[in-house]
N, C-alpha and C. Protein backbone atom coordinates (compact mmCIF):
# COMPACT_ATOMS: atom_id res chain seq x y z
N ARG A 1 7.55 8.38 -13.62
CA ARG A 1 6.43 7.80 -14.13
C ARG A 1 5.34 8.17 -12.54
N GLY A 2 4.85 8.40 -11.80
CA GLY A 2 3.58 8.17 -11.04
C GLY A 2 4.09 6.87 -10.34
N VAL A 3 3.91 6.44 -9.24
CA VAL A 3 3.16 5.00 -8.43
C VAL A 3 2.67 5.12 -7.54
N VAL A 4 1.12 4.51 -7.63
CA VAL A 4 0.13 4.29 -5.85
C VAL A 4 0.56 3.14 -5.43
N THR A 5 0.98 2.83 -4.44
CA THR A 5 1.18 1.55 -3.76
C THR A 5 0.55 1.60 -2.30
N VAL A 6 -0.66 0.31 -3.03
CA VAL A 6 -1.69 0.46 -1.06
C VAL A 6 -1.49 -1.34 -0.72
N GLU A 7 -1.00 -1.23 0.47
CA GLU A 7 -0.92 -1.83 1.56
C GLU A 7 -1.83 -2.62 1.80
N LEU A 8 -2.11 -4.14 0.84
CA LEU A 8 -3.57 -4.72 1.81
C LEU A 8 -3.13 -5.49 3.40
N ALA A 9 -3.71 -4.39 3.86
CA ALA A 9 -3.48 -4.95 5.52
C ALA A 9 -3.36 -6.36 6.07
N GLY A 10 -3.06 -7.28 6.30
CA GLY A 10 -3.08 -8.37 7.41
C GLY A 10 -2.37 -9.33 6.59
N THR A 11 -0.99 -9.16 5.02
CA THR A 11 -1.60 -9.70 3.79
C THR A 11 0.00 -9.82 3.63
N GLY A 12 0.60 -8.92 4.17
CA GLY A 12 2.12 -8.90 3.45
C GLY A 12 2.17 -8.38 1.81
N LEU A 13 0.64 -8.60 1.56
CA LEU A 13 0.67 -8.14 -0.08
C LEU A 13 0.55 -6.46 -0.54
N ARG A 14 1.45 -5.73 -1.55
CA ARG A 14 1.08 -5.12 -1.94
C ARG A 14 1.22 -4.80 -3.28
N THR A 15 -0.02 -3.60 -3.64
CA THR A 15 -1.09 -3.99 -5.30
C THR A 15 0.01 -2.56 -5.19
N THR A 16 0.78 -2.43 -6.82
CA THR A 16 1.18 -1.03 -7.31
C THR A 16 0.56 -0.97 -8.59
N TYR A 17 0.63 1.29 -9.05
CA TYR A 17 -0.49 0.85 -9.73
C TYR A 17 0.37 2.21 -10.81
N GLU A 18 0.39 1.90 -11.74
CA GLU A 18 1.53 3.17 -12.28
C GLU A 18 1.27 3.17 -14.09
N PRO A 19 1.14 4.26 -14.71
CA PRO A 19 1.28 5.10 -14.17
C PRO A 19 0.63 6.17 -13.70
N VAL A 20 0.37 6.44 -12.44
CA VAL A 20 -0.84 7.46 -12.04
C VAL A 20 -0.55 9.00 -11.02
N ARG A 21 -1.11 9.19 -11.01
CA ARG A 21 -1.74 10.89 -9.96
C ARG A 21 -1.78 10.77 -8.77
N PRO A 22 -0.89 10.49 -7.94
CA PRO A 22 -2.49 10.12 -6.65
C PRO A 22 -2.79 10.94 -5.90
N SER A 23 -4.28 10.62 -5.65
CA SER A 23 -5.30 11.65 -5.21
C SER A 23 -5.41 11.75 -3.81
N VAL A 24 -4.37 10.65 -3.17
CA VAL A 24 -4.86 10.63 -1.70
C VAL A 24 -2.96 10.74 -1.69
N GLU A 25 -2.84 11.40 0.37
CA GLU A 25 -1.95 11.62 1.06
C GLU A 25 -1.01 10.45 0.85
N GLU A 26 0.22 10.33 0.82
CA GLU A 26 1.53 8.85 1.35
C GLU A 26 0.10 8.39 2.77
N GLY A 27 0.43 7.19 2.75
CA GLY A 27 0.08 6.89 4.32
C GLY A 27 -1.63 6.69 4.62
N ALA A 28 -2.54 7.81 3.59
CA ALA A 28 -3.55 7.38 3.49
C ALA A 28 -4.63 6.41 4.11
N GLU A 29 -5.66 6.22 5.14
CA GLU A 29 -6.49 4.21 4.40
C GLU A 29 -7.13 4.87 3.18
N VAL A 30 -7.70 2.93 2.13
CA VAL A 30 -8.35 3.54 1.89
C VAL A 30 -8.94 1.81 1.62
N GLY A 31 -10.74 2.70 1.29
CA GLY A 31 -11.53 1.58 1.00
C GLY A 31 -11.71 0.99 -0.26
N ALA A 32 -11.35 -0.36 -0.51
CA ALA A 32 -12.95 -0.62 -1.53
C ALA A 32 -13.46 0.33 -2.24
N GLY A 33 -13.25 -0.13 -3.54
CA GLY A 33 -13.91 1.31 -4.26
C GLY A 33 -13.13 3.30 -4.10
N ASP A 34 -12.39 3.26 -3.73
CA ASP A 34 -12.46 4.38 -3.36
C ASP A 34 -10.40 4.54 -4.49
N VAL A 35 -10.94 6.15 -4.98
CA VAL A 35 -10.13 6.48 -5.53
C VAL A 35 -9.37 6.82 -5.16
N VAL A 36 -7.68 6.24 -6.20
CA VAL A 36 -6.20 6.71 -5.13
C VAL A 36 -5.67 7.49 -6.28
N GLY A 37 -5.95 8.44 -7.38
CA GLY A 37 -5.17 8.39 -8.48
C GLY A 37 -5.67 8.37 -9.46
N VAL A 38 -5.35 8.80 -10.72
CA VAL A 38 -5.80 9.01 -11.89
C VAL A 38 -4.64 8.35 -13.13
N VAL A 39 -4.87 7.76 -13.69
CA VAL A 39 -4.25 7.50 -14.52
C VAL A 39 -3.02 8.63 -15.69
N ALA A 40 -2.32 8.70 -15.35
CA ALA A 40 -1.64 9.97 -16.04
C ALA A 40 -0.92 9.40 -17.80
N GLU A 41 -0.79 10.09 -18.40
CA GLU A 41 -0.72 10.37 -20.28
C GLU A 41 0.96 10.32 -19.64
N THR A 42 1.74 9.39 -20.59
CA THR A 42 3.42 9.43 -20.67
C THR A 42 3.40 9.45 -21.72
N GLY A 43 2.62 9.15 -23.07
CA GLY A 43 3.18 9.43 -24.64
C GLY A 43 3.97 7.35 -24.57
N GLY A 44 4.43 6.99 -23.86
CA GLY A 44 5.23 5.95 -23.53
C GLY A 44 4.35 4.34 -25.08
N HIS A 45 4.52 3.36 -23.98
CA HIS A 45 4.44 2.28 -25.20
C HIS A 45 2.47 2.31 -25.76
N CYS A 46 2.18 2.93 -24.75
CA CYS A 46 0.67 2.64 -24.81
C CYS A 46 0.46 3.62 -25.77
N GLY A 47 0.54 4.42 -26.75
CA GLY A 47 1.10 5.08 -27.88
C GLY A 47 0.17 6.93 -27.40
N ALA A 48 -1.23 6.82 -28.60
CA ALA A 48 -1.84 7.57 -28.00
C ALA A 48 -3.40 7.44 -27.13
N SER A 49 -2.81 6.71 -25.92
CA SER A 49 -4.20 6.58 -24.98
C SER A 49 -3.16 6.30 -23.84
N ALA A 50 -4.21 6.14 -22.48
CA ALA A 50 -3.30 6.19 -21.36
C ALA A 50 -3.64 3.98 -20.97
N CYS A 51 -2.45 4.11 -20.45
CA CYS A 51 -2.79 2.64 -19.64
C CYS A 51 -2.20 2.63 -18.20
N VAL A 52 -2.68 1.21 -17.70
CA VAL A 52 -2.50 1.68 -16.29
C VAL A 52 -1.11 -0.17 -15.71
N HIS A 53 -0.68 0.18 -15.53
CA HIS A 53 0.41 -1.05 -15.44
C HIS A 53 -0.12 -1.30 -13.55
N TRP A 54 -0.38 -2.67 -13.69
CA TRP A 54 -0.69 -3.18 -11.85
C TRP A 54 -0.31 -4.42 -11.43
N GLY A 55 0.39 -4.22 -10.02
CA GLY A 55 1.32 -5.42 -9.82
C GLY A 55 1.04 -5.70 -8.94
N LEU A 56 1.45 -6.75 -8.26
CA LEU A 56 0.78 -7.12 -6.89
C LEU A 56 2.80 -7.66 -6.32
N LEU A 57 2.93 -7.86 -5.01
CA LEU A 57 4.23 -7.70 -4.58
C LEU A 57 4.29 -8.36 -2.46
N ARG A 58 4.81 -9.59 -2.90
CA ARG A 58 4.64 -9.78 -1.75
C ARG A 58 6.44 -9.72 -0.91
N GLY A 59 6.71 -8.35 -0.25
CA GLY A 59 8.16 -8.10 -0.17
C GLY A 59 8.59 -7.84 -1.42
N GLY A 60 9.80 -7.90 -1.78
CA GLY A 60 10.74 -7.76 -2.92
C GLY A 60 10.22 -9.08 -4.36
N THR A 61 9.28 -9.60 -4.09
CA THR A 61 9.17 -10.40 -4.90
C THR A 61 7.66 -10.25 -5.87
N TYR A 62 7.40 -10.05 -7.16
CA TYR A 62 6.27 -9.86 -7.92
C TYR A 62 5.82 -11.30 -8.09
N LEU A 63 4.48 -10.59 -8.33
CA LEU A 63 3.35 -12.37 -8.07
C LEU A 63 2.70 -11.87 -9.17
N ASN A 64 1.28 -12.65 -9.78
CA ASN A 64 0.67 -12.00 -10.68
C ASN A 64 -1.06 -11.40 -9.78
N PRO A 65 -1.23 -10.38 -10.30
CA PRO A 65 -2.40 -10.05 -9.84
C PRO A 65 -3.48 -9.94 -9.65
N LEU A 66 -3.26 -11.31 -10.91
CA LEU A 66 -5.18 -11.76 -11.75
C LEU A 66 -4.82 -12.48 -10.64
N SER A 67 -3.95 -12.88 -9.36
CA SER A 67 -4.54 -14.33 -8.61
C SER A 67 -5.82 -13.47 -7.53
N LEU A 68 -5.13 -11.92 -7.09
CA LEU A 68 -6.61 -11.71 -6.26
C LEU A 68 -7.96 -11.61 -6.51
N LEU A 69 -7.92 -11.45 -7.77
CA LEU A 69 -9.35 -11.85 -8.29
C LEU A 69 -10.02 -12.90 -8.39
N PRO A 70 -11.29 -13.00 -8.49
CA PRO A 70 -12.57 -14.87 -7.78
C PRO A 70 -11.67 -15.22 -9.26
N PRO A 71 -12.19 -16.44 -9.33
CA PRO A 71 -12.09 -17.42 -10.68
C PRO A 71 -13.27 -17.33 -11.47
N TRP A 72 -14.44 -16.81 -10.82
CA TRP A 72 -15.74 -16.77 -11.39
C TRP A 72 -15.14 -15.30 -12.70
N LEU A 73 -14.26 -14.07 -12.31
CA LEU A 73 -14.20 -13.45 -12.96
C LEU A 73 -13.77 -13.35 -14.13
N LEU A 74 -12.38 -14.51 -13.71
CA LEU A 74 -11.47 -14.11 -14.85
C LEU A 74 -12.04 -15.38 -16.26
N GLY A 75 -12.71 -15.42 -16.08
CA GLY A 75 -13.57 -16.79 -17.10
C GLY A 75 -14.01 -15.81 -17.88
N ARG A 76 -14.51 -14.27 -17.91
CA ARG A 76 -15.28 -13.30 -18.39
C ARG A 76 -14.37 -12.63 -18.96
N GLY A 77 -12.61 -13.33 -19.40
CA GLY A 77 -12.03 -12.46 -20.56
C GLY A 77 -11.24 -11.11 -20.09
N PRO A 78 -10.35 -11.02 -21.35
CA PRO A 78 -9.69 -9.82 -20.29
C PRO A 78 -10.02 -8.47 -20.11
N SER A 79 -9.44 -8.05 -18.64
CA SER A 79 -9.50 -6.32 -18.43
C SER A 79 -9.98 -5.43 -18.96
N ARG A 80 -10.30 -4.45 -18.63
CA ARG A 80 -10.79 -2.90 -19.68
C ARG A 80 -10.51 -2.54 -18.26
N LEU A 81 -9.75 -0.64 -18.95
CA LEU A 81 -10.23 0.23 -17.69
C LEU A 81 -11.41 1.23 -18.89
N LEU A 82 -12.41 1.43 -18.07
CA LEU A 82 -13.21 2.28 -19.61
C LEU A 82 -12.79 3.89 -18.22
N PRO A 83 -12.59 5.17 -19.75
CA PRO A 83 -12.99 6.18 -19.14
C PRO A 83 -13.85 6.84 -18.20
N VAL A 84 -13.66 7.56 -17.56
CA VAL A 84 -14.53 8.05 -16.45
C VAL A 84 -15.04 8.96 -16.91
N LEU A 85 -16.65 9.60 -16.99
CA LEU A 85 -17.27 10.38 -17.82
C LEU A 85 -17.50 11.98 -16.93
N THR A 86 -17.40 12.80 -17.26
CA THR A 86 -17.83 13.09 -15.79
C THR A 86 -18.60 14.36 -16.93
N GLY A 87 -19.74 14.95 -16.09
CA GLY A 87 -20.68 15.78 -16.67
C GLY A 87 -21.43 15.90 -17.83
């Protein structure tokens, strides 16, 4: 299963997204809002729909990725990724 890892400059943190088919080259610089990949369907525990796992690490220690979000956003309920519709 594909994983995209993004290092958060100057923080010692990195975020991970999986399963993802990357749309950027390894080592490429990306900014907020840049597309880094497309969620890959794996036929795993998500059933017929695809899902993405979002992680946050400092070194080898997993942290809660929700800690990156502002408090006002956390009070709005669970997050959902919506499909991107084209054409």
